[in-house]
Amino acid sequence: MTNDERTLEAELLDPDRLGFDPEELRARYRIERDRRLRPDGASQYIAPTGDFGYYVADPYAESEPDREPLTDEVEVLIVGAGFGGLLAGARLRQAGFDSIRLLEKGGDVGGTWYWNRYPGVRCDIESYIYLPLLEELGYVPSEKYARGEEIRQHTVNIARRFDLYRDACFQTEVTSASWDESKRRWNVTTDRGDNMAAR
């Protein structure tokens, strides 16, 4: 931040100008947030078992992945295979990166569109605006507001076109990601026993 930016920020956040003290407000918000946060974090929740156990399973996955835990290193590791992850992977491929791995909790690419397949689901944003990489894939959406299945298929086509399936790990949840300053690498572990590294 430059001196001019600091001066402008100080002027904009001046309590006399605003009629309240921003730091005091932040402190009050912190107090309220801390009241809600529990020290036991996610472990406070009860895992669904018995009659409710099937809610945890991926209803669209054909089978559990049959692979040994990975302990390798990749250039780029992308968490999530929705549009954000797919776009990152596509642009990295275009930039010449070869060693790209997608980690995705679902059984395939698609993110929201992988999970939401109920009758009549569609996007409320015009397809030409919402769907990425239309020109690169030579694709024209069939409707102004695309249906969910068409959108999900578009995510599959992106992954195929940019060879993102090659090293993807599906039904895999990241359990930790930590930066190793000495090696200048990310160390990532998953619920499948993976312990991989990425630049």
Protein backbone atom coordinates (compact mmCIF):
# COMPACT_ATOMS: atom_id res chain seq x y z
CA MET A 1 0.00 0.00 0.00
CA THR A 2 1.44 3.39 -0.99
CA ASN A 3 1.50 6.44 1.27
CA ASP A 4 -1.27 8.02 -0.82
CA GLU A 5 -3.42 4.91 -0.38
CA ARG A 6 -2.80 4.89 3.37
CA THR A 7 -3.75 8.57 3.59
CA LEU A 8 -6.93 7.99 1.58
CA GLU A 9 -7.84 4.98 3.73
CA ALA A 10 -7.31 6.99 6.92
CA GLU A 11 -9.52 9.77 5.56
CA LEU A 12 -12.27 7.36 4.49
CA LEU A 13 -12.24 5.53 7.82
CA ASP A 14 -12.04 8.65 9.99
CA PRO A 15 -14.52 8.14 12.89
CA ASP A 16 -15.56 11.81 12.83
CA ARG A 17 -16.42 11.58 9.14
CA LEU A 18 -18.25 8.24 9.49
CA GLY A 19 -20.05 9.00 12.74
CA PHE A 20 -18.75 5.77 14.34
CA ASP A 21 -15.41 4.14 15.11
CA PRO A 22 -14.68 1.35 12.59
CA GLU A 23 -12.22 -0.35 14.96
CA GLU A 24 -14.80 -0.41 17.74
CA LEU A 25 -17.33 -1.93 15.33
CA ARG A 26 -14.81 -4.58 14.22
CA ALA A 27 -14.11 -5.41 17.86
CA ARG A 28 -17.85 -5.88 18.53
CA TYR A 29 -18.14 -8.16 15.50
CA ARG A 30 -15.15 -10.19 16.70
CA ILE A 31 -16.82 -10.66 20.10
CA GLU A 32 -20.03 -11.90 18.45
CA ARG A 33 -18.10 -14.20 16.12
CA ASP A 34 -16.13 -15.66 19.02
CA ARG A 35 -19.39 -16.43 20.85
CA ARG A 36 -20.50 -18.57 17.91
CA LEU A 37 -17.23 -20.41 17.33
CA ARG A 38 -16.84 -23.57 19.35
CA PRO A 39 -13.43 -24.94 20.33
CA ASP A 40 -14.39 -28.43 19.13
CA GLY A 41 -14.90 -27.12 15.57
CA ALA A 42 -16.25 -29.64 13.07
CA SER A 43 -15.99 -32.47 15.60
CA GLN A 44 -19.11 -31.05 17.29
CA TYR A 45 -21.23 -32.60 14.55
CA ILE A 46 -22.55 -36.14 14.70
CA ALA A 47 -21.80 -38.35 11.70
CA PRO A 48 -24.93 -39.74 10.05
CA THR A 49 -25.10 -43.49 10.61
CA GLY A 50 -27.70 -46.23 10.53
CA ASP A 51 -30.81 -45.21 8.60
CA PHE A 52 -29.18 -41.88 7.73
CA GLY A 53 -25.78 -43.22 6.64
CA TYR A 54 -26.71 -43.25 2.96
CA TYR A 55 -26.90 -39.43 2.99
CA VAL A 56 -23.11 -39.34 3.20
CA ALA A 57 -22.58 -41.48 0.11
CA ASP A 58 -22.28 -39.94 -3.33
CA PRO A 59 -25.45 -41.05 -5.14
CA TYR A 60 -23.91 -40.51 -8.58
CA ALA A 61 -20.59 -42.32 -8.14
CA GLU A 62 -20.49 -45.72 -9.78
CA SER A 63 -18.02 -47.19 -7.30
CA GLU A 64 -15.35 -46.29 -4.76
CA PRO A 65 -12.00 -45.37 -6.31
CA ASP A 66 -9.61 -48.30 -6.40
CA ARG A 67 -6.17 -46.77 -6.10
CA GLU A 68 -3.20 -46.76 -3.80
CA PRO A 69 -2.49 -43.57 -1.82
CA LEU A 70 -0.46 -41.06 -3.83
CA THR A 71 2.83 -39.71 -2.50
CA ASP A 72 4.09 -37.93 -5.60
CA GLU A 73 4.68 -34.30 -6.52
CA VAL A 74 2.84 -32.29 -9.17
CA GLU A 75 3.42 -28.82 -10.54
CA VAL A 76 -0.10 -27.65 -9.74
CA LEU A 77 -2.72 -29.13 -7.45
CA ILE A 78 -6.25 -27.74 -7.80
CA VAL A 79 -8.79 -28.34 -5.05
CA GLY A 80 -12.26 -28.65 -6.56
CA ALA A 81 -13.42 -29.51 -10.06
CA GLY A 82 -16.23 -27.01 -10.48
CA PHE A 83 -15.95 -24.16 -12.96
CA GLY A 84 -13.23 -22.42 -10.91
CA GLY A 85 -11.00 -25.48 -10.80
CA LEU A 86 -11.67 -26.39 -14.42
CA LEU A 87 -10.92 -22.86 -15.63
CA ALA A 88 -7.69 -22.79 -13.64
CA GLY A 89 -6.70 -26.16 -15.10
CA ALA A 90 -7.62 -25.15 -18.65
CA ARG A 91 -5.66 -21.89 -18.47
CA LEU A 92 -2.67 -23.67 -16.95
CA ARG A 93 -2.72 -26.23 -19.77
CA GLN A 94 -2.84 -23.39 -22.28
CA ALA A 95 0.16 -21.85 -20.50
CA GLY A 96 2.13 -25.07 -20.96
CA PHE A 97 1.76 -26.80 -17.59
CA ASP A 98 1.64 -30.57 -17.90
CA SER A 99 1.55 -31.85 -14.32
CA ILE A 100 -1.87 -30.72 -13.05
CA ARG A 101 -3.96 -32.66 -10.56
CA LEU A 102 -7.58 -31.97 -9.66
CA LEU A 103 -8.78 -33.13 -6.25
CA GLU A 104 -12.56 -33.41 -6.05
CA LYS A 105 -14.88 -34.76 -3.37
CA GLY A 106 -17.51 -35.71 -5.95
CA GLY A 107 -17.32 -38.63 -8.34
CA ASP A 108 -16.72 -36.41 -11.40
CA VAL A 109 -16.18 -32.82 -12.47
CA GLY A 110 -18.96 -30.25 -12.30
CA GLY A 111 -19.02 -28.83 -8.78
CA THR A 112 -22.54 -27.56 -8.09
CA TRP A 113 -23.75 -29.07 -11.33
CA TYR A 114 -22.42 -32.50 -10.37
CA TRP A 115 -24.46 -32.53 -7.16
CA ASN A 116 -27.63 -30.70 -8.20
CA ARG A 117 -29.50 -32.91 -10.66
CA TYR A 118 -33.08 -32.50 -9.53
CA PRO A 119 -35.88 -32.22 -12.13
CA GLY A 120 -36.04 -28.85 -13.84
CA VAL A 121 -32.74 -27.52 -12.52
CA ARG A 122 -31.24 -24.84 -14.73
CA CYS A 123 -29.11 -21.73 -14.47
CA ASP A 124 -30.73 -18.34 -13.95
CA ILE A 125 -27.91 -16.58 -15.81
CA GLU A 126 -27.78 -16.50 -19.60
CA SER A 127 -25.76 -19.41 -20.95
CA TYR A 128 -23.48 -17.23 -23.07
CA ILE A 129 -22.43 -15.34 -19.96
CA TYR A 130 -22.37 -18.23 -17.49
CA LEU A 131 -20.69 -21.04 -19.42
CA PRO A 132 -16.93 -20.57 -19.78
CA LEU A 133 -14.72 -21.56 -22.71
CA LEU A 134 -17.53 -21.71 -25.27
CA GLU A 135 -15.31 -20.48 -28.10
CA GLU A 136 -12.44 -22.79 -27.16
CA LEU A 137 -14.80 -25.77 -27.24
CA GLY A 138 -16.73 -24.55 -30.28
CA TYR A 139 -19.94 -24.99 -28.33
CA VAL A 140 -23.24 -23.14 -28.64
CA PRO A 141 -25.66 -23.63 -25.72
CA SER A 142 -29.03 -25.07 -26.74
CA GLU A 143 -31.07 -22.60 -24.68
CA LYS A 144 -30.76 -19.08 -23.35
CA TYR A 145 -30.93 -20.49 -19.80
CA ALA A 146 -29.20 -23.85 -19.91
CA ARG A 147 -30.54 -26.88 -18.10
CA GLY A 148 -28.44 -28.48 -15.39
CA GLU A 149 -27.54 -31.58 -17.40
CA GLU A 150 -26.28 -29.48 -20.31
CA ILE A 151 -24.15 -27.45 -17.91
CA ARG A 152 -22.79 -30.59 -16.24
CA GLN A 153 -21.95 -32.06 -19.64
CA HIS A 154 -20.14 -28.82 -20.51
CA THR A 155 -17.91 -29.28 -17.43
CA VAL A 156 -17.11 -32.82 -18.61
CA ASN A 157 -16.25 -31.48 -22.07
CA ILE A 158 -13.90 -28.89 -20.57
CA ALA A 159 -12.11 -31.59 -18.57
CA ARG A 160 -11.78 -33.79 -21.66
CA ARG A 161 -10.68 -30.99 -23.98
CA PHE A 162 -7.90 -29.86 -21.63
CA ASP A 163 -6.91 -33.38 -20.49
CA LEU A 164 -7.79 -32.67 -16.87
CA TYR A 165 -9.05 -36.19 -16.19
CA ARG A 166 -5.54 -37.62 -16.63
CA ASP A 167 -4.35 -37.05 -13.05
CA ALA A 168 -7.65 -36.18 -11.36
CA CYS A 169 -8.57 -37.79 -8.04
CA PHE A 170 -12.32 -38.08 -7.50
CA GLN A 171 -14.16 -38.99 -4.31
CA THR A 172 -11.17 -37.51 -2.53
CA GLU A 173 -11.42 -34.89 0.19
CA VAL A 174 -8.50 -32.70 1.23
CA THR A 175 -7.85 -33.07 4.96
CA SER A 176 -4.89 -30.68 5.25
CA ALA A 177 -2.73 -28.36 3.20
CA SER A 178 0.42 -26.84 4.66
CA TRP A 179 3.27 -24.84 3.18
CA ASP A 180 6.81 -26.19 3.67
CA GLU A 181 9.02 -23.12 3.43
CA SER A 182 12.25 -25.16 3.36
CA LYS A 183 11.11 -27.13 0.29
CA ARG A 184 8.95 -24.33 -1.12
CA ARG A 185 6.15 -26.84 -1.62
CA TRP A 186 2.59 -27.43 -0.49
CA ASN A 187 2.04 -30.69 1.37
CA VAL A 188 -1.50 -31.95 0.90
CA THR A 189 -3.15 -34.91 2.61
CA THR A 190 -6.52 -36.45 1.82
CA ASP A 191 -9.07 -38.83 3.28
CA ARG A 192 -7.71 -41.50 0.89
CA GLY A 193 -4.31 -41.56 2.60
CA ASP A 194 -2.64 -39.39 -0.04
CA ASN A 195 0.35 -37.29 0.99
CA MET A 196 1.32 -35.31 -2.10
CA ALA A 197 3.29 -32.19 -2.80
CA ALA A 198 2.74 -29.32 -5.21
CA ARG A 199 4.64 -26.22 -6.18
